[in-house]
Amino acid sequence: MSNVTSLLSHHPLVGRWRSEEDDGRSEYIVSAAPSGLSVKGCDFIDGEEFLISDVKWTESSVEFKTHMPSTGRKGHIVLTYVQSLQTVTMTYTFTDTCVAYKADER
């Protein structure tokens, strides 16, 4: 029996990624899986893992949703390989839920 290699194992986004501009704590690991690309994420300072969902990918990007259980913070992350620059960009949107009050009633 020969070894089977996933067709996505050479995808440019397979690897470990951190943003230089993010809060400095998030790390994402993209790997090839039998069903496509798989994503794991964590706060690499304290080790808490993100809940990852809705993973989608193209030849040059992977996008996914995150949820941090301890804070309730949700995110939408897009990693894009820019071939002409030989670099990867990370676009992220985070949503924090908090209690609001009407400022003139305090």
Protein backbone atom coordinates (compact mmCIF):
# COMPACT_ATOMS: atom_id res chain seq x y z
CA MET A 1 0.00 0.00 0.00
CA SER A 2 1.34 3.43 -0.88
CA ASN A 3 1.17 6.58 1.22
CA VAL A 4 -1.73 8.88 0.42
CA THR A 5 -1.09 12.63 0.45
CA SER A 6 -3.94 15.11 0.64
CA LEU A 7 -4.25 17.30 -2.42
CA LEU A 8 -4.42 20.28 -0.05
CA SER A 9 -1.23 19.44 1.85
CA HIS A 10 0.68 21.94 -0.34
CA HIS A 11 -1.91 24.72 0.03
CA PRO A 12 -0.01 27.98 0.69
CA LEU A 13 -1.90 28.59 3.95
CA VAL A 14 -1.10 25.26 5.60
CA GLY A 15 0.94 26.26 8.65
CA ARG A 16 0.86 28.28 11.87
CA TRP A 17 -0.19 31.94 11.66
CA ARG A 18 -0.12 34.96 13.98
CA SER A 19 -1.00 38.54 13.13
CA GLU A 20 1.44 41.33 13.85
CA GLU A 21 -1.50 43.74 14.25
CA ASP A 22 -3.98 41.61 16.23
CA ASP A 23 -4.15 41.74 20.01
CA GLY A 24 -0.93 39.74 19.91
CA ARG A 25 -2.38 36.59 21.46
CA SER A 26 -4.19 34.76 18.67
CA GLU A 27 -2.62 31.90 16.76
CA TYR A 28 -4.23 29.81 14.04
CA ILE A 29 -3.08 26.46 12.67
CA VAL A 30 -4.28 25.50 9.20
CA SER A 31 -3.79 21.88 8.20
CA ALA A 32 -4.85 19.54 5.41
CA ALA A 33 -7.52 17.03 6.40
CA PRO A 34 -9.32 14.33 4.41
CA SER A 35 -12.35 16.62 4.11
CA GLY A 36 -10.35 19.73 3.12
CA LEU A 37 -8.62 22.34 5.24
CA SER A 38 -8.91 22.22 9.02
CA VAL A 39 -8.36 25.16 11.37
CA LYS A 40 -7.51 25.28 15.06
CA GLY A 41 -6.96 28.44 17.06
CA CYS A 42 -5.87 29.47 20.52
CA ASP A 43 -4.70 32.27 22.75
CA PHE A 44 -1.05 31.24 22.76
CA ILE A 45 -0.39 33.15 26.01
CA ASP A 46 -2.80 31.17 28.22
CA GLY A 47 -3.55 28.24 25.88
CA GLU A 48 -7.33 28.71 25.74
CA GLU A 49 -8.68 27.28 22.50
CA PHE A 50 -11.09 29.03 20.18
CA LEU A 51 -14.20 27.25 18.96
CA ILE A 52 -13.80 27.28 15.16
CA SER A 53 -16.69 26.97 12.70
CA ASP A 54 -17.72 27.62 9.09
CA VAL A 55 -14.30 26.91 7.56
CA LYS A 56 -14.20 27.73 3.83
CA TRP A 57 -11.28 27.89 1.44
CA THR A 58 -10.19 28.67 -2.09
CA GLU A 59 -6.84 28.19 -3.83
CA SER A 60 -5.49 31.30 -2.10
CA SER A 61 -7.56 31.86 1.04
CA VAL A 62 -9.15 30.29 4.08
CA GLU A 63 -11.86 31.91 6.17
CA PHE A 64 -13.52 30.84 9.39
CA LYS A 65 -15.46 32.01 12.43
CA THR A 66 -14.07 31.96 15.96
CA HIS A 67 -15.58 32.05 19.43
CA MET A 68 -13.59 32.43 22.67
CA PRO A 69 -15.63 30.71 25.41
CA SER A 70 -14.22 32.67 28.38
CA THR A 71 -14.97 36.11 26.95
CA GLY A 72 -17.74 35.44 24.44
CA ARG A 73 -15.72 37.27 21.81
CA LYS A 74 -16.58 36.21 18.27
CA GLY A 75 -14.53 36.75 15.16
CA HIS A 76 -14.44 36.28 11.43
CA ILE A 77 -10.94 35.65 10.08
CA VAL A 78 -9.73 35.56 6.46
CA LEU A 79 -6.18 34.50 5.63
CA THR A 80 -5.21 35.30 2.03
CA TYR A 81 -2.04 34.31 0.20
CA VAL A 82 -0.92 37.18 -2.06
CA GLN A 83 1.20 35.43 -4.67
CA SER A 84 2.57 38.61 -6.29
CA LEU A 85 3.99 39.70 -2.91
CA GLN A 86 4.75 36.20 -1.61
CA THR A 87 3.02 37.11 1.64
CA VAL A 88 -0.12 36.36 3.63
CA THR A 89 -2.64 38.94 4.82
CA MET A 90 -5.04 38.46 7.70
CA THR A 91 -8.35 40.29 7.75
CA TYR A 92 -10.29 40.00 10.97
CA THR A 93 -13.47 41.34 12.51
CA PHE A 94 -14.15 40.79 16.21
CA THR A 95 -17.47 41.25 17.97
CA ASP A 96 -17.58 41.86 21.72
CA THR A 97 -20.88 41.80 23.56
CA CYS A 98 -21.29 44.14 26.51
CA VAL A 99 -24.00 45.85 28.49
CA ALA A 100 -24.84 49.31 27.17
CA TYR A 101 -26.56 52.17 28.92
CA LYS A 102 -27.98 55.45 27.79
CA ALA A 103 -25.25 57.97 28.58
CA ASP A 104 -27.57 60.79 29.64
CA GLU A 105 -29.27 58.61 32.26
CA ARG A 106 -26.21 58.03 34.46
